[in-house]
């Protein structure tokens, strides 16, 4: 009889333990799935879809993932040729990884010139926007940052903010009579 009672108590303890572990594992899995998930191509912002149609029309999209919690990119598009492009929430590219080489028309001229003069014969296999310029990976695994005043995250963010401000001002000028309940223009 003691053995049966001990067996039932042990069995009850294992069931309770399994019950307490299971929700935690499920919560972690759900959180990971929420962070990064596969989406349809049509769910990309217009700018990202246009970029792909303009520069990757001959390639097939293998997978599109989104991670709304990521800071520098929200969308990640992988092509069947192995290329991967990362896009911001607004659909502008932030990084490209291309094992066979980033398409020349996508590399800013100042970066092409710099790599050609300092690293002749090497291919640019990855390119990304940084705060102070453009990061580049070469075919020999050399990584460098090319300083740029015109092509970097900081200037793109400033331009985007200026564009938003200008659009708001234009809207306010067109509709000056639209005011909220505090008397402020919308």
C-alpha atoms as a PDB file:
ATOM      1  CA  UNK A   1       0.000   0.000   0.000  1.00  0.00           C
ATOM      2  CA  UNK A   2       2.862   2.402   0.844  1.00  0.00           C
ATOM      3  CA  UNK A   3       4.325   1.762  -2.594  1.00  0.00           C
ATOM      4  CA  UNK A   4       1.051   2.667  -4.281  1.00  0.00           C
ATOM      5  CA  UNK A   5       0.696   5.878  -2.303  1.00  0.00           C
ATOM      6  CA  UNK A   6       4.303   6.804  -3.065  1.00  0.00           C
ATOM      7  CA  UNK A   7       3.783   5.951  -6.733  1.00  0.00           C
ATOM      8  CA  UNK A   8       0.606   8.106  -6.963  1.00  0.00           C
ATOM      9  CA  UNK A   9       2.310  11.014  -5.161  1.00  0.00           C
ATOM     10  CA  UNK A  10       5.307  10.774  -7.494  1.00  0.00           C
ATOM     11  CA  UNK A  11       3.056  10.610 -10.551  1.00  0.00           C
ATOM     12  CA  UNK A  12       1.076  13.662  -9.354  1.00  0.00           C
ATOM     13  CA  UNK A  13       4.319  15.613  -8.846  1.00  0.00           C
ATOM     14  CA  UNK A  14       5.519  14.826 -12.382  1.00  0.00           C
ATOM     15  CA  UNK A  15       2.193  15.909 -13.865  1.00  0.00           C
ATOM     16  CA  UNK A  16       2.298  19.185 -11.931  1.00  0.00           C
ATOM     17  CA  UNK A  17       5.892  19.797 -13.016  1.00  0.00           C
ATOM     18  CA  UNK A  18       5.063  19.073 -16.650  1.00  0.00           C
ATOM     19  CA  UNK A  19       2.125  21.463 -16.452  1.00  0.00           C
ATOM     20  CA  UNK A  20       4.265  24.280 -15.059  1.00  0.00           C
ATOM     21  CA  UNK A  21       7.048  23.799 -17.645  1.00  0.00           C
ATOM     22  CA  UNK A  22       4.781  23.565 -20.655  1.00  0.00           C
ATOM     23  CA  UNK A  23       3.230  27.080 -20.550  1.00  0.00           C
ATOM     24  CA  UNK A  24       6.687  28.662 -20.178  1.00  0.00           C
ATOM     25  CA  UNK A  25       8.023  26.846 -23.211  1.00  0.00           C
ATOM     26  CA  UNK A  26       4.891  27.778 -25.157  1.00  0.00           C
ATOM     27  CA  UNK A  27       5.240  31.452 -24.122  1.00  0.00           C
ATOM     28  CA  UNK A  28       8.896  31.549 -25.254  1.00  0.00           C
ATOM     29  CA  UNK A  29       7.998  29.939 -28.592  1.00  0.00           C
ATOM     30  CA  UNK A  30       5.112  32.367 -29.097  1.00  0.00           C
ATOM     31  CA  UNK A  31       7.364  35.362 -28.297  1.00  0.00           C
ATOM     32  CA  UNK A  32       9.969  34.178 -30.823  1.00  0.00           C
ATOM     33  CA  UNK A  33       7.307  33.638 -33.486  1.00  0.00           C
ATOM     34  CA  UNK A  34       5.903  37.114 -32.818  1.00  0.00           C
ATOM     35  CA  UNK A  35       9.317  38.773 -33.280  1.00  0.00           C
ATOM     36  CA  UNK A  36      10.198  37.258 -36.641  1.00  0.00           C
ATOM     37  CA  UNK A  37       7.683  35.734 -39.006  1.00  0.00           C
ATOM     38  CA  UNK A  38       7.264  34.968 -42.681  1.00  0.00           C
ATOM     39  CA  UNK A  39       4.980  37.262 -44.658  1.00  0.00           C
ATOM     40  CA  UNK A  40       3.764  37.531 -48.261  1.00  0.00           C
ATOM     41  CA  UNK A  41       5.693  39.652 -50.758  1.00  0.00           C
ATOM     42  CA  UNK A  42       2.665  41.949 -51.133  1.00  0.00           C
ATOM     43  CA  UNK A  43       2.954  42.898 -47.442  1.00  0.00           C
ATOM     44  CA  UNK A  44       6.253  44.707 -48.092  1.00  0.00           C
ATOM     45  CA  UNK A  45       6.128  48.518 -48.282  1.00  0.00           C
ATOM     46  CA  UNK A  46       5.739  49.944 -51.811  1.00  0.00           C
ATOM     47  CA  UNK A  47       9.328  51.246 -51.851  1.00  0.00           C
ATOM     48  CA  UNK A  48      10.755  47.768 -51.101  1.00  0.00           C
ATOM     49  CA  UNK A  49       8.575  46.097 -53.747  1.00  0.00           C
ATOM     50  CA  UNK A  50       9.593  48.744 -56.307  1.00  0.00           C
ATOM     51  CA  UNK A  51      13.272  48.256 -55.452  1.00  0.00           C
ATOM     52  CA  UNK A  52      12.951  44.500 -55.971  1.00  0.00           C
ATOM     53  CA  UNK A  53      11.052  44.933 -59.256  1.00  0.00           C
ATOM     54  CA  UNK A  54      13.673  47.436 -60.484  1.00  0.00           C
ATOM     55  CA  UNK A  55      16.836  45.567 -59.489  1.00  0.00           C
ATOM     56  CA  UNK A  56      15.849  41.929 -58.937  1.00  0.00           C
ATOM     57  CA  UNK A  57      13.166  41.346 -61.577  1.00  0.00           C
ATOM     58  CA  UNK A  58      14.989  38.248 -62.887  1.00  0.00           C
ATOM     59  CA  UNK A  59      15.316  36.639 -59.433  1.00  0.00           C
ATOM     60  CA  UNK A  60      12.721  34.675 -57.487  1.00  0.00           C
ATOM     61  CA  UNK A  61      11.924  35.657 -53.929  1.00  0.00           C
ATOM     62  CA  UNK A  62      12.453  32.659 -51.692  1.00  0.00           C
ATOM     63  CA  UNK A  63      11.238  34.132 -48.390  1.00  0.00           C
ATOM     64  CA  UNK A  64      10.153  37.423 -46.845  1.00  0.00           C
ATOM     65  CA  UNK A  65      10.421  37.800 -43.087  1.00  0.00           C
ATOM     66  CA  UNK A  66       9.480  40.650 -40.816  1.00  0.00           C
ATOM     67  CA  UNK A  67      10.748  41.551 -37.372  1.00  0.00           C
ATOM     68  CA  UNK A  68       8.994  44.692 -36.116  1.00  0.00           C
ATOM     69  CA  UNK A  69      11.212  44.774 -33.015  1.00  0.00           C
ATOM     70  CA  UNK A  70      14.471  45.089 -35.004  1.00  0.00           C
ATOM     71  CA  UNK A  71      16.080  48.528 -34.846  1.00  0.00           C
ATOM     72  CA  UNK A  72      17.814  48.876 -38.223  1.00  0.00           C
ATOM     73  CA  UNK A  73      15.570  46.760 -40.407  1.00  0.00           C
ATOM     74  CA  UNK A  74      12.048  45.436 -40.351  1.00  0.00           C
ATOM     75  CA  UNK A  75      11.934  43.310 -43.494  1.00  0.00           C
ATOM     76  CA  UNK A  76      14.373  40.664 -44.732  1.00  0.00           C
ATOM     77  CA  UNK A  77      14.013  39.352 -48.285  1.00  0.00           C
ATOM     78  CA  UNK A  78      15.940  36.265 -49.420  1.00  0.00           C
ATOM     79  CA  UNK A  79      16.244  35.325 -53.087  1.00  0.00           C
ATOM     80  CA  UNK A  80      16.835  31.886 -54.594  1.00  0.00           C
ATOM     81  CA  UNK A  81      20.324  33.016 -55.743  1.00  0.00           C
ATOM     82  CA  UNK A  82      21.330  33.509 -52.072  1.00  0.00           C
ATOM     83  CA  UNK A  83      21.152  37.320 -52.000  1.00  0.00           C
ATOM     84  CA  UNK A  84      19.487  38.898 -48.968  1.00  0.00           C
ATOM     85  CA  UNK A  85      18.263  42.466 -48.665  1.00  0.00           C
ATOM     86  CA  UNK A  86      17.181  44.147 -45.446  1.00  0.00           C
ATOM     87  CA  UNK A  87      14.629  46.973 -45.601  1.00  0.00           C
ATOM     88  CA  UNK A  88      13.487  49.599 -43.101  1.00  0.00           C
ATOM     89  CA  UNK A  89       9.856  50.084 -42.084  1.00  0.00           C
ATOM     90  CA  UNK A  90       9.464  52.598 -44.912  1.00  0.00           C
ATOM     91  CA  UNK A  91      10.906  50.176 -47.476  1.00  0.00           C
ATOM     92  CA  UNK A  92      14.387  51.648 -47.987  1.00  0.00           C
ATOM     93  CA  UNK A  93      17.249  49.168 -48.097  1.00  0.00           C
ATOM     94  CA  UNK A  94      19.584  49.223 -45.105  1.00  0.00           C
ATOM     95  CA  UNK A  95      21.809  46.247 -45.912  1.00  0.00           C
ATOM     96  CA  UNK A  96      22.507  43.792 -48.733  1.00  0.00           C
ATOM     97  CA  UNK A  97      24.341  40.471 -48.560  1.00  0.00           C
ATOM     98  CA  UNK A  98      25.193  39.045 -51.978  1.00  0.00           C
ATOM     99  CA  UNK A  99      27.588  36.072 -52.018  1.00  0.00           C
ATOM    100  CA  UNK A 100      28.370  36.516 -55.733  1.00  0.00           C
ATOM    101  CA  UNK A 101      28.658  40.305 -55.440  1.00  0.00           C
ATOM    102  CA  UNK A 102      26.365  43.266 -54.849  1.00  0.00           C
ATOM    103  CA  UNK A 103      24.985  44.458 -58.222  1.00  0.00           C
ATOM    104  CA  UNK A 104      27.249  47.321 -59.371  1.00  0.00           C
ATOM    105  CA  UNK A 105      24.331  49.692 -60.018  1.00  0.00           C
ATOM    106  CA  UNK A 106      23.396  49.492 -56.317  1.00  0.00           C
ATOM    107  CA  UNK A 107      26.817  50.512 -54.998  1.00  0.00           C
ATOM    108  CA  UNK A 108      27.368  54.280 -54.618  1.00  0.00           C
ATOM    109  CA  UNK A 109      30.115  55.547 -56.940  1.00  0.00           C
ATOM    110  CA  UNK A 110      32.303  56.803 -54.078  1.00  0.00           C
ATOM    111  CA  UNK A 111      32.330  53.267 -52.595  1.00  0.00           C
ATOM    112  CA  UNK A 112      33.150  51.666 -55.958  1.00  0.00           C
ATOM    113  CA  UNK A 113      35.998  54.132 -56.469  1.00  0.00           C
ATOM    114  CA  UNK A 114      37.377  53.586 -52.953  1.00  0.00           C
ATOM    115  CA  UNK A 115      37.308  49.783 -53.199  1.00  0.00           C
ATOM    116  CA  UNK A 116      38.778  49.824 -56.714  1.00  0.00           C
ATOM    117  CA  UNK A 117      41.714  52.020 -55.633  1.00  0.00           C
ATOM    118  CA  UNK A 118      42.452  50.424 -52.236  1.00  0.00           C
ATOM    119  CA  UNK A 119      41.378  46.789 -52.838  1.00  0.00           C
ATOM    120  CA  UNK A 120      41.758  46.094 -56.574  1.00  0.00           C
ATOM    121  CA  UNK A 121      40.275  42.874 -57.933  1.00  0.00           C
ATOM    122  CA  UNK A 122      37.996  42.287 -54.951  1.00  0.00           C
ATOM    123  CA  UNK A 123      34.217  42.023 -55.144  1.00  0.00           C
ATOM    124  CA  UNK A 124      31.808  43.781 -52.775  1.00  0.00           C
ATOM    125  CA  UNK A 125      29.747  40.951 -51.229  1.00  0.00           C
ATOM    126  CA  UNK A 126      27.849  42.985 -48.625  1.00  0.00           C
ATOM    127  CA  UNK A 127      26.975  46.629 -48.120  1.00  0.00           C
ATOM    128  CA  UNK A 128      25.137  48.388 -45.319  1.00  0.00           C
ATOM    129  CA  UNK A 129      24.311  51.870 -44.137  1.00  0.00           C
ATOM    130  CA  UNK A 130      26.011  53.009 -40.927  1.00  0.00           C
ATOM    131  CA  UNK A 131      25.720  56.260 -38.956  1.00  0.00           C
ATOM    132  CA  UNK A 132      28.936  57.648 -40.423  1.00  0.00           C
ATOM    133  CA  UNK A 133      29.063  56.001 -43.830  1.00  0.00           C
ATOM    134  CA  UNK A 134      28.734  52.695 -45.598  1.00  0.00           C
ATOM    135  CA  UNK A 135      30.009  49.354 -44.310  1.00  0.00           C
ATOM    136  CA  UNK A 136      31.359  46.989 -46.938  1.00  0.00           C
ATOM    137  CA  UNK A 137      32.446  43.342 -46.938  1.00  0.00           C
ATOM    138  CA  UNK A 138      34.717  42.146 -49.702  1.00  0.00           C
ATOM    139  CA  UNK A 139      35.165  38.754 -51.348  1.00  0.00           C
ATOM    140  CA  UNK A 140      38.342  38.120 -49.300  1.00  0.00           C
ATOM    141  CA  UNK A 141      36.349  38.746 -46.056  1.00  0.00           C
ATOM    142  CA  UNK A 142      37.856  42.215 -45.559  1.00  0.00           C
ATOM    143  CA  UNK A 143      35.394  44.479 -43.748  1.00  0.00           C
ATOM    144  CA  UNK A 144      35.626  48.238 -43.859  1.00  0.00           C
ATOM    145  CA  UNK A 145      33.608  51.410 -43.491  1.00  0.00           C
ATOM    146  CA  UNK A 146      33.745  54.017 -46.220  1.00  0.00           C
ATOM    147  CA  UNK A 147      33.029  57.456 -44.723  1.00  0.00           C
ATOM    148  CA  UNK A 148      30.215  59.236 -46.529  1.00  0.00           C
ATOM    149  CA  UNK A 149      28.437  62.489 -45.826  1.00  0.00           C
ATOM    150  CA  UNK A 150      25.646  61.746 -48.308  1.00  0.00           C
ATOM    151  CA  UNK A 151      24.945  58.014 -47.950  1.00  0.00           C
ATOM    152  CA  UNK A 152      24.515  57.041 -44.311  1.00  0.00           C
ATOM    153  CA  UNK A 153      21.752  56.318 -41.820  1.00  0.00           C
ATOM    154  CA  UNK A 154      21.984  59.715 -40.139  1.00  0.00           C
ATOM    155  CA  UNK A 155      21.367  61.727 -43.327  1.00  0.00           C
ATOM    156  CA  UNK A 156      18.583  59.389 -44.457  1.00  0.00           C
ATOM    157  CA  UNK A 157      16.824  59.736 -41.090  1.00  0.00           C
ATOM    158  CA  UNK A 158      17.190  63.535 -41.199  1.00  0.00           C
ATOM    159  CA  UNK A 159      15.843  63.672 -44.750  1.00  0.00           C
ATOM    160  CA  UNK A 160      12.899  61.451 -43.801  1.00  0.00           C
ATOM    161  CA  UNK A 161      12.091  63.729 -40.839  1.00  0.00           C
ATOM    162  CA  UNK A 162      12.364  66.821 -43.056  1.00  0.00           C
ATOM    163  CA  UNK A 163      10.054  65.212 -45.628  1.00  0.00           C
ATOM    164  CA  UNK A 164       7.465  64.416 -42.923  1.00  0.00           C
ATOM    165  CA  UNK A 165       7.642  67.981 -41.600  1.00  0.00           C
ATOM    166  CA  UNK A 166       7.263  69.440 -45.099  1.00  0.00           C
ATOM    167  CA  UNK A 167       4.255  67.212 -45.873  1.00  0.00           C
ATOM    168  CA  UNK A 168       2.596  68.220 -42.598  1.00  0.00           C
ATOM    169  CA  UNK A 169       3.217  71.924 -43.303  1.00  0.00           C
ATOM    170  CA  UNK A 170       1.813  71.586 -46.833  1.00  0.00           C
ATOM    171  CA  UNK A 171      -1.269  69.820 -45.470  1.00  0.00           C
ATOM    172  CA  UNK A 172      -1.743  72.543 -42.845  1.00  0.00           C
ATOM    173  CA  UNK A 173      -1.450  75.252 -45.519  1.00  0.00           C
ATOM    174  CA  UNK A 174      -4.090  73.547 -47.685  1.00  0.00           C
ATOM    175  CA  UNK A 175      -6.513  73.140 -44.784  1.00  0.00           C
ATOM    176  CA  UNK A 176      -5.889  75.972 -42.289  1.00  0.00           C
ATOM    177  CA  UNK A 177      -9.459  75.755 -40.967  1.00  0.00           C
ATOM    178  CA  UNK A 178      -8.904  72.218 -39.612  1.00  0.00           C
ATOM    179  CA  UNK A 179      -8.262  72.655 -35.939  1.00  0.00           C
ATOM    180  CA  UNK A 180      -8.585  70.245 -33.066  1.00  0.00           C
ATOM    181  CA  UNK A 181     -10.677  70.951 -29.958  1.00  0.00           C
ATOM    182  CA  UNK A 182      -7.718  72.839 -28.381  1.00  0.00           C
ATOM    183  CA  UNK A 183      -7.552  75.286 -31.279  1.00  0.00           C
ATOM    184  CA  UNK A 184      -4.334  73.761 -32.654  1.00  0.00           C
ATOM    185  CA  UNK A 185      -3.837  72.981 -36.322  1.00  0.00           C
ATOM    186  CA  UNK A 186      -3.884  69.338 -37.208  1.00  0.00           C
END
